PDB file of N, CA and C in Angstrom:
ATOM      1  N   MET A   1     110.806  64.212 -44.882  1.00  0.00           N
ATOM      2  CA  MET A   1     109.234  64.561 -45.539  1.00  0.00           C
ATOM      3  C   MET A   1     109.514  64.629 -46.762  1.00  0.00           C
ATOM      4  N   LEU A   2     108.323  64.107 -47.670  1.00  0.00           N
ATOM      5  CA  LEU A   2     108.593  63.964 -49.139  1.00  0.00           C
ATOM      6  C   LEU A   2     106.793  65.348 -49.238  1.00  0.00           C
ATOM      7  N   ALA A   3     107.023  66.034 -49.562  1.00  0.00           N
ATOM      8  CA  ALA A   3     105.868  67.316 -50.286  1.00  0.00           C
ATOM      9  C   ALA A   3     104.439  66.453 -50.390  1.00  0.00           C
ATOM     10  N   SER A   4     104.562  65.180 -51.202  1.00  0.00           N
ATOM     11  CA  SER A   4     103.185  64.418 -51.513  1.00  0.00           C
ATOM     12  C   SER A   4     103.594  62.765 -51.079  1.00  0.00           C
ATOM     13  N   GLU A   5     102.411  62.153 -51.743  1.00  0.00           N
ATOM     14  CA  GLU A   5     102.865  60.822 -51.590  1.00  0.00           C
ATOM     15  C   GLU A   5     103.482  60.258 -53.834  1.00  0.00           C
ATOM     16  N   TYR A   6     102.789  61.615 -54.691  1.00  0.00           N
ATOM     17  CA  TYR A   6     103.940  61.103 -55.727  1.00  0.00           C
ATOM     18  C   TYR A   6     105.195  61.847 -55.872  1.00  0.00           C
ATOM     19  N   GLU A   7     105.777  62.335 -54.905  1.00  0.00           N
ATOM     20  CA  GLU A   7     106.992  63.056 -55.449  1.00  0.00           C
ATOM     21  C   GLU A   7     107.796  61.747 -54.714  1.00  0.00           C
ATOM     22  N   LEU A   8     109.180  62.022 -55.865  1.00  0.00           N
ATOM     23  CA  LEU A   8     109.925  60.680 -55.632  1.00  0.00           C
ATOM     24  C   LEU A   8     111.467  61.358 -54.720  1.00  0.00           C
ATOM     25  N   ASN A   9     111.659  60.278 -53.686  1.00  0.00           N
ATOM     26  CA  ASN A   9     113.182  60.724 -52.647  1.00  0.00           C
ATOM     27  C   ASN A   9     114.005  60.438 -54.009  1.00  0.00           C
ATOM     28  N   GLU A  10     115.194  60.483 -52.810  1.00  0.00           N
ATOM     29  CA  GLU A  10     116.263  60.046 -53.850  1.00  0.00           C
ATOM     30  C   GLU A  10     117.035  59.160 -54.119  1.00  0.00           C
ATOM     31  N   ARG A  11     116.474  57.776 -53.075  1.00  0.00           N
ATOM     32  CA  ARG A  11     116.583  56.750 -53.658  1.00  0.00           C
ATOM     33  C   ARG A  11     115.920  56.012 -54.719  1.00  0.00           C
ATOM     34  N   ASP A  12     114.705  56.818 -54.670  1.00  0.00           N
ATOM     35  CA  ASP A  12     113.762  56.568 -56.136  1.00  0.00           C
ATOM     36  C   ASP A  12     114.091  56.693 -57.526  1.00  0.00           C
ATOM     37  N   HIS A  13     114.553  57.936 -57.470  1.00  0.00           N
ATOM     38  CA  HIS A  13     116.102  58.644 -58.205  1.00  0.00           C
ATOM     39  C   HIS A  13     116.902  57.485 -58.776  1.00  0.00           C
ATOM     40  N   ALA A  14     117.659  57.246 -57.863  1.00  0.00           N
ATOM     41  CA  ALA A  14     119.341  56.201 -57.881  1.00  0.00           C
ATOM     42  C   ALA A  14     118.905  54.896 -58.701  1.00  0.00           C
ATOM     43  N   LEU A  15     117.081  54.741 -57.932  1.00  0.00           N
ATOM     44  CA  LEU A  15     116.751  53.276 -58.594  1.00  0.00           C
ATOM     45  C   LEU A  15     116.522  53.497 -60.049  1.00  0.00           C
ATOM     46  N   GLY A  16     116.257  54.643 -60.086  1.00  0.00           N
ATOM     47  CA  GLY A  16     115.478  55.215 -61.404  1.00  0.00           C
ATOM     48  C   GLY A  16     114.377  54.677 -61.517  1.00  0.00           C
ATOM     49  N   HIS A  17     113.284  55.229 -61.205  1.00  0.00           N
ATOM     50  CA  HIS A  17     111.982  55.083 -60.682  1.00  0.00           C
ATOM     51  C   HIS A  17     111.527  56.796 -61.847  1.00  0.00           C
ATOM     52  N   TYR A  18     110.362  56.450 -62.056  1.00  0.00           N
ATOM     53  CA  TYR A  18     109.871  57.851 -63.122  1.00  0.00           C
ATOM     54  C   TYR A  18     108.940  58.509 -62.510  1.00  0.00           C
ATOM     55  N   ARG A  19     108.145  57.389 -61.720  1.00  0.00           N
ATOM     56  CA  ARG A  19     107.214  58.301 -60.771  1.00  0.00           C
ATOM     57  C   ARG A  19     106.261  56.951 -59.794  1.00  0.00           C
ATOM     58  N   VAL A  20     105.339  57.772 -59.083  1.00  0.00           N
ATOM     59  CA  VAL A  20     105.089  57.124 -57.931  1.00  0.00           C
ATOM     60  C   VAL A  20     103.930  56.767 -58.500  1.00  0.00           C
ATOM     61  N   TYR A  21     103.007  55.363 -58.941  1.00  0.00           N
ATOM     62  CA  TYR A  21     101.783  55.114 -58.987  1.00  0.00           C
ATOM     63  C   TYR A  21     100.744  54.859 -58.115  1.00  0.00           C
ATOM     64  N   ASP A  22      99.321  54.995 -57.882  1.00  0.00           N
ATOM     65  CA  ASP A  22      98.314  54.885 -57.206  1.00  0.00           C
ATOM     66  C   ASP A  22      97.597  54.174 -57.882  1.00  0.00           C
ATOM     67  N   THR A  23      96.645  53.063 -57.218  1.00  0.00           N
ATOM     68  CA  THR A  23      96.056  52.035 -58.006  1.00  0.00           C
ATOM     69  C   THR A  23      94.986  52.885 -58.857  1.00  0.00           C
ATOM     70  N   THR A  24      94.649  54.100 -59.142  1.00  0.00           N
ATOM     71  CA  THR A  24      93.736  55.057 -59.786  1.00  0.00           C
ATOM     72  C   THR A  24      94.461  55.240 -60.928  1.00  0.00           C
ATOM     73  N   LEU A  25      95.780  55.334 -60.870  1.00  0.00           N
ATOM     74  CA  LEU A  25      96.435  56.032 -61.984  1.00  0.00           C
ATOM     75  C   LEU A  25      97.539  55.005 -62.442  1.00  0.00           C
ATOM     76  N   LEU A  26      97.788  54.216 -61.843  1.00  0.00           N
ATOM     77  CA  LEU A  26      98.064  52.774 -62.568  1.00  0.00           C
ATOM     78  C   LEU A  26      97.040  51.595 -63.770  1.00  0.00           C
ATOM     79  N   CYS A  27      95.636  52.238 -63.024  1.00  0.00           N
ATOM     80  CA  CYS A  27      94.649  51.385 -64.127  1.00  0.00           C
ATOM     81  C   CYS A  27      94.045  52.769 -65.246  1.00  0.00           C
ATOM     82  N   LYS A  28      94.410  53.659 -64.853  1.00  0.00           N
ATOM     83  CA  LYS A  28      93.965  54.596 -65.977  1.00  0.00           C
ATOM     84  C   LYS A  28      94.917  54.459 -67.299  1.00  0.00           C
ATOM     85  N   HIS A  29      96.346  54.497 -66.565  1.00  0.00           N
ATOM     86  CA  HIS A  29      97.291  54.407 -67.673  1.00  0.00           C
ATOM     87  C   HIS A  29      97.549  52.670 -68.557  1.00  0.00           C
ATOM     88  N   LEU A  30      96.999  51.735 -67.223  1.00  0.00           N
ATOM     89  CA  LEU A  30      97.149  50.627 -68.291  1.00  0.00           C
ATOM     90  C   LEU A  30      95.856  50.833 -69.076  1.00  0.00           C
ATOM     91  N   GLU A  31      94.573  51.282 -68.545  1.00  0.00           N
ATOM     92  CA  GLU A  31      93.408  51.689 -69.600  1.00  0.00           C
ATOM     93  C   GLU A  31      93.865  52.307 -70.851  1.00  0.00           C
ATOM     94  N   ASP A  32      94.549  53.439 -70.786  1.00  0.00           N
ATOM     95  CA  ASP A  32      94.523  53.814 -71.681  1.00  0.00           C
ATOM     96  C   ASP A  32      95.724  53.242 -73.012  1.00  0.00           C
ATOM     97  N   ALA A  33      96.735  52.479 -72.595  1.00  0.00           N
ATOM     98  CA  ALA A  33      97.247  52.122 -73.192  1.00  0.00           C
ATOM     99  C   ALA A  33      96.591  50.694 -73.797  1.00  0.00           C
ATOM    100  N   GLY A  34      95.235  50.972 -73.649  1.00  0.00           N
ATOM    101  CA  GLY A  34      94.574  49.648 -74.444  1.00  0.00           C
ATOM    102  C   GLY A  34      94.096  48.117 -73.652  1.00  0.00           C
ATOM    103  N   PHE A  35      94.557  48.121 -72.320  1.00  0.00           N
ATOM    104  CA  PHE A  35      94.381  46.828 -71.592  1.00  0.00           C
ATOM    105  C   PHE A  35      92.846  47.312 -70.785  1.00  0.00           C
ATOM    106  N   THR A  36      91.847  45.876 -70.675  1.00  0.00           N
ATOM    107  CA  THR A  36      91.287  46.244 -69.351  1.00  0.00           C
ATOM    108  C   THR A  36      91.525  45.673 -68.631  1.00  0.00           C
ATOM    109  N   VAL A  37      91.848  46.112 -67.347  1.00  0.00           N
ATOM    110  CA  VAL A  37      91.842  45.818 -65.926  1.00  0.00           C
ATOM    111  C   VAL A  37      91.311  44.620 -65.038  1.00  0.00           C
ATOM    112  N   LEU A  38      91.287  43.242 -64.851  1.00  0.00           N
ATOM    113  CA  LEU A  38      90.324  42.642 -64.358  1.00  0.00           C
ATOM    114  C   LEU A  38      90.447  42.625 -62.727  1.00  0.00           C
ATOM    115  N   GLN A  39      91.298  43.113 -62.501  1.00  0.00           N
ATOM    116  CA  GLN A  39      91.821  43.204 -60.699  1.00  0.00           C
ATOM    117  C   GLN A  39      92.872  43.776 -60.655  1.00  0.00           C
ATOM    118  N   GLN A  40      92.850  44.117 -59.335  1.00  0.00           N
ATOM    119  CA  GLN A  40      93.930  45.237 -58.714  1.00  0.00           C
ATOM    120  C   GLN A  40      93.679  45.285 -57.113  1.00  0.00           C
ATOM    121  N   GLY A  41      95.203  45.289 -56.649  1.00  0.00           N
ATOM    122  CA  GLY A  41      95.046  45.326 -55.012  1.00  0.00           C
ATOM    123  C   GLY A  41      96.896  45.511 -54.795  1.00  0.00           C
ATOM    124  N   GLY A  42      96.701  45.216 -53.747  1.00  0.00           N
ATOM    125  CA  GLY A  42      98.300  46.004 -52.863  1.00  0.00           C
ATOM    126  C   GLY A  42      98.390  44.745 -52.012  1.00  0.00           C
ATOM    127  N   TYR A  43     100.162  44.707 -51.939  1.00  0.00           N
ATOM    128  CA  TYR A  43     100.087  44.032 -50.663  1.00  0.00           C
ATOM    129  C   TYR A  43     101.088  45.054 -49.876  1.00  0.00           C
ATOM    130  N   PHE A  44     101.391  44.949 -48.466  1.00  0.00           N
ATOM    131  CA  PHE A  44     101.902  45.403 -47.833  1.00  0.00           C
ATOM    132  C   PHE A  44     101.848  46.933 -47.286  1.00  0.00           C
ATOM    133  N   LEU A  45     101.145  46.799 -46.061  1.00  0.00           N
ATOM    134  CA  LEU A  45     101.174  48.443 -45.647  1.00  0.00           C
ATOM    135  C   LEU A  45     102.447  48.705 -44.842  1.00  0.00           C
ATOM    136  N   LYS A  46     102.602  50.334 -46.004  1.00  0.00           N
ATOM    137  CA  LYS A  46     104.141  50.431 -44.774  1.00  0.00           C
ATOM    138  C   LYS A  46     104.065  51.526 -44.429  1.00  0.00           C
ATOM    139  N   PRO A  47     103.992  52.133 -43.264  1.00  0.00           N
ATOM    140  CA  PRO A  47     103.943  53.531 -42.425  1.00  0.00           C
ATOM    141  C   PRO A  47     105.155  53.895 -42.882  1.00  0.00           C
ATOM    142  N   LEU A  48     106.145  53.528 -43.133  1.00  0.00           N
ATOM    143  CA  LEU A  48     107.489  54.041 -42.282  1.00  0.00           C
ATOM    144  C   LEU A  48     108.330  53.641 -43.899  1.00  0.00           C
ATOM    145  N   SER A  49     109.619  53.840 -43.471  1.00  0.00           N
ATOM    146  CA  SER A  49     110.818  54.021 -44.731  1.00  0.00           C
ATOM    147  C   SER A  49     111.606  52.775 -44.400  1.00  0.00           C
ATOM    148  N   ASN A  50     111.921  52.116 -45.366  1.00  0.00           N
ATOM    149  CA  ASN A  50     112.727  51.001 -45.183  1.00  0.00           C
ATOM    150  C   ASN A  50     113.755  50.766 -44.263  1.00  0.00           C
ATOM    151  N   ALA A  51     114.219  51.757 -43.708  1.00  0.00           N
ATOM    152  CA  ALA A  51     115.561  51.714 -43.042  1.00  0.00           C
ATOM    153  C   ALA A  51     114.742  51.868 -41.402  1.00  0.00           C
ATOM    154  N   GLN A  52     113.694  52.495 -41.386  1.00  0.00           N
ATOM    155  CA  GLN A  52     113.318  52.976 -40.465  1.00  0.00           C
ATOM    156  C   GLN A  52     112.522  51.743 -39.711  1.00  0.00           C
ATOM    157  N   MET A  53     112.057  50.566 -40.263  1.00  0.00           N
ATOM    158  CA  MET A  53     111.267  49.528 -40.630  1.00  0.00           C
ATOM    159  C   MET A  53     112.027  48.287 -39.767  1.00  0.00           C
ATOM    160  N   GLU A  54     113.609  48.202 -40.874  1.00  0.00           N
ATOM    161  CA  GLU A  54     114.401  47.337 -40.561  1.00  0.00           C
ATOM    162  C   GLU A  54     115.312  47.492 -38.965  1.00  0.00           C
ATOM    163  N   ALA A  55     114.918  49.313 -38.466  1.00  0.00           N
ATOM    164  CA  ALA A  55     116.247  49.317 -37.210  1.00  0.00           C
ATOM    165  C   ALA A  55     114.434  48.987 -36.004  1.00  0.00           C
ATOM    166  N   PHE A  56     113.852  48.761 -36.183  1.00  0.00           N
ATOM    167  CA  PHE A  56     112.678  49.508 -35.063  1.00  0.00           C
ATOM    168  C   PHE A  56     111.419  48.323 -35.595  1.00  0.00           C
ATOM    169  N   PHE A  57     110.975  47.737 -35.926  1.00  0.00           N
ATOM    170  CA  PHE A  57     110.474  46.791 -36.580  1.00  0.00           C
ATOM    171  C   PHE A  57     110.876  45.012 -36.124  1.00  0.00           C
ATOM    172  N   THR A  58     109.867  44.271 -35.390  1.00  0.00           N
ATOM    173  CA  THR A  58     110.426  42.829 -35.599  1.00  0.00           C
ATOM    174  C   THR A  58     110.088  42.273 -36.495  1.00  0.00           C
ATOM    175  N   PRO A  59     109.898  40.900 -37.090  1.00  0.00           N
ATOM    176  CA  PRO A  59     109.226  40.138 -37.952  1.00  0.00           C
ATOM    177  C   PRO A  59     108.033  39.514 -37.520  1.00  0.00           C
ATOM    178  N   ALA A  60     107.475  39.738 -36.109  1.00  0.00           N
ATOM    179  CA  ALA A  60     105.956  39.488 -36.211  1.00  0.00           C
ATOM    180  C   ALA A  60     105.535  41.027 -36.815  1.00  0.00           C
ATOM    181  N   MET A  61     105.893  42.064 -36.557  1.00  0.00           N
ATOM    182  CA  MET A  61     105.608  43.428 -36.688  1.00  0.00           C
ATOM    183  C   MET A  61     105.540  43.477 -38.142  1.00  0.00           C
ATOM    184  N   LEU A  62     106.640  42.942 -38.901  1.00  0.00           N
ATOM    185  CA  LEU A  62     106.640  42.868 -40.234  1.00  0.00           C
ATOM    186  C   LEU A  62     105.322  41.590 -41.179  1.00  0.00           C
ATOM    187  N   ASP A  63     105.062  41.091 -40.102  1.00  0.00           N
ATOM    188  CA  ASP A  63     104.343  40.003 -40.641  1.00  0.00           C
ATOM    189  C   ASP A  63     102.570  40.544 -40.734  1.00  0.00           C
ATOM    190  N   GLY A  64     102.438  41.010 -39.618  1.00  0.00           N
ATOM    191  CA  GLY A  64     101.314  41.914 -39.532  1.00  0.00           C
ATOM    192  C   GLY A  64     100.561  42.734 -40.187  1.00  0.00           C
ATOM    193  N   PHE A  65     101.973  43.785 -40.780  1.00  0.00           N
ATOM    194  CA  PHE A  65     101.857  44.876 -41.692  1.00  0.00           C
ATOM    195  C   PHE A  65     101.292  44.281 -42.974  1.00  0.00           C
ATOM    196  N   TYR A  66     101.687  42.678 -43.109  1.00  0.00           N
ATOM    197  CA  TYR A  66     101.787  42.675 -44.710  1.00  0.00           C
ATOM    198  C   TYR A  66     100.158  41.686 -44.598  1.00  0.00           C
ATOM    199  N   ALA A  67      99.745  41.366 -43.117  1.00  0.00           N
ATOM    200  CA  ALA A  67      98.484  40.892 -43.340  1.00  0.00           C
ATOM    201  C   ALA A  67      97.126  41.890 -43.438  1.00  0.00           C
ATOM    202  N   VAL A  68      97.433  42.665 -42.276  1.00  0.00           N
ATOM    203  CA  VAL A  68      96.412  43.761 -42.523  1.00  0.00           C
ATOM    204  C   VAL A  68      96.378  44.556 -43.664  1.00  0.00           C
ATOM    205  N   SER A  69      97.469  44.212 -44.519  1.00  0.00           N
ATOM    206  CA  SER A  69      97.599  44.615 -45.848  1.00  0.00           C
ATOM    207  C   SER A  69      95.740  44.817 -46.941  1.00  0.00           C
ATOM    208  N   GLU A  70      95.497  43.337 -46.845  1.00  0.00           N
ATOM    209  CA  GLU A  70      94.366  42.663 -47.574  1.00  0.00           C
ATOM    210  C   GLU A  70      93.340  43.712 -47.201  1.00  0.00           C
ATOM    211  N   TYR A  71      93.273  44.355 -46.039  1.00  0.00           N
ATOM    212  CA  TYR A  71      92.063  45.092 -45.608  1.00  0.00           C
ATOM    213  C   TYR A  71      92.283  46.588 -46.251  1.00  0.00           C
ATOM    214  N   PHE A  72      93.726  46.994 -46.671  1.00  0.00           N
ATOM    215  CA  PHE A  72      93.809  48.319 -47.169  1.00  0.00           C
ATOM    216  C   PHE A  72      94.845  48.639 -48.715  1.00  0.00           C
ATOM    217  N   PRO A  73      94.299  47.924 -49.427  1.00  0.00           N
ATOM    218  CA  PRO A  73      94.981  47.423 -50.809  1.00  0.00           C
ATOM    219  C   PRO A  73      95.503  48.983 -51.018  1.00  0.00           C
ATOM    220  N   GLN A  74      94.357  49.849 -51.356  1.00  0.00           N
ATOM    221  CA  GLN A  74      94.847  51.249 -51.903  1.00  0.00           C
ATOM    222  C   GLN A  74      95.673  52.208 -50.952  1.00  0.00           C
ATOM    223  N   HIS A  75      96.155  51.502 -50.046  1.00  0.00           N
ATOM    224  CA  HIS A  75      97.421  52.303 -48.948  1.00  0.00           C
ATOM    225  C   HIS A  75      98.158  51.240 -48.618  1.00  0.00           C
ATOM    226  N   CYS A  76      98.717  50.218 -49.656  1.00  0.00           N
ATOM    227  CA  CYS A  76     100.431  49.632 -49.976  1.00  0.00           C
ATOM    228  C   CYS A  76     100.858  50.049 -50.546  1.00  0.00           C
ATOM    229  N   ALA A  77     102.210  49.940 -50.092  1.00  0.00           N
ATOM    230  CA  ALA A  77     103.283  49.976 -50.967  1.00  0.00           C
ATOM    231  C   ALA A  77     103.229  49.175 -52.460  1.00  0.00           C
ATOM    232  N   GLU A  78     103.183  48.175 -52.572  1.00  0.00           N
ATOM    233  CA  GLU A  78     103.359  47.676 -53.347  1.00  0.00           C
ATOM    234  C   GLU A  78     101.532  47.285 -54.551  1.00  0.00           C
ATOM    235  N   ILE A  79     101.333  48.013 -55.248  1.00  0.00           N
ATOM    236  CA  ILE A  79     100.060  47.169 -55.604  1.00  0.00           C
ATOM    237  C   ILE A  79     100.128  46.903 -57.348  1.00  0.00           C
ATOM    238  N   PHE A  80      99.129  45.926 -57.893  1.00  0.00           N
ATOM    239  CA  PHE A  80      99.291  45.629 -59.119  1.00  0.00           C
ATOM    240  C   PHE A  80      98.191  45.476 -59.550  1.00  0.00           C
ATOM    241  N   ALA A  81      98.226  45.225 -60.734  1.00  0.00           N
ATOM    242  CA  ALA A  81      96.567  45.420 -61.640  1.00  0.00           C
ATOM    243  C   ALA A  81      96.997  43.967 -62.612  1.00  0.00           C
ATOM    244  N   VAL A  82      95.972  43.206 -62.682  1.00  0.00           N
ATOM    245  CA  VAL A  82      95.774  41.733 -63.721  1.00  0.00           C
ATOM    246  C   VAL A  82      95.425  42.374 -64.770  1.00  0.00           C
ATOM    247  N   CYS A  83      95.586  42.073 -66.345  1.00  0.00           N
ATOM    248  CA  CYS A  83      95.098  42.380 -67.198  1.00  0.00           C
ATOM    249  C   CYS A  83      94.423  41.919 -68.075  1.00  0.00           C
ATOM    250  N   ALA A  84      94.314  42.158 -69.254  1.00  0.00           N
ATOM    251  CA  ALA A  84      94.071  41.370 -70.627  1.00  0.00           C
ATOM    252  C   ALA A  84      93.914  42.462 -71.538  1.00  0.00           C
ATOM    253  N   SER A  85      94.083  42.082 -73.140  1.00  0.00           N
ATOM    254  CA  SER A  85      94.538  43.113 -73.944  1.00  0.00           C
ATOM    255  C   SER A  85      92.583  43.150 -74.357  1.00  0.00           C
ATOM    256  N   LYS A  86      92.324  44.021 -74.832  1.00  0.00           N
ATOM    257  CA  LYS A  86      91.116  44.289 -75.717  1.00  0.00           C
ATOM    258  C   LYS A  86      91.304  44.138 -76.913  1.00  0.00           C
TER     259      LYS A  86
END
């Protein structure tokens, strides 16, 4: 288990990740870089590791976690921001 949601795991390091964002930090960094955030959101509610989901989740369960992510974008595994330059 990771100590916090901002901690990188071994796989993150292997993939070259430098940080973990939430929507608040992502938008702050974008605004600090001179962008205006027009929209933000997320997709795919991810309660377990990829390996655990591959081992135990059916395709229907994965579809369900994707569908419910619309209601909990701040808790999604994948987040995004649509921006415009200032």
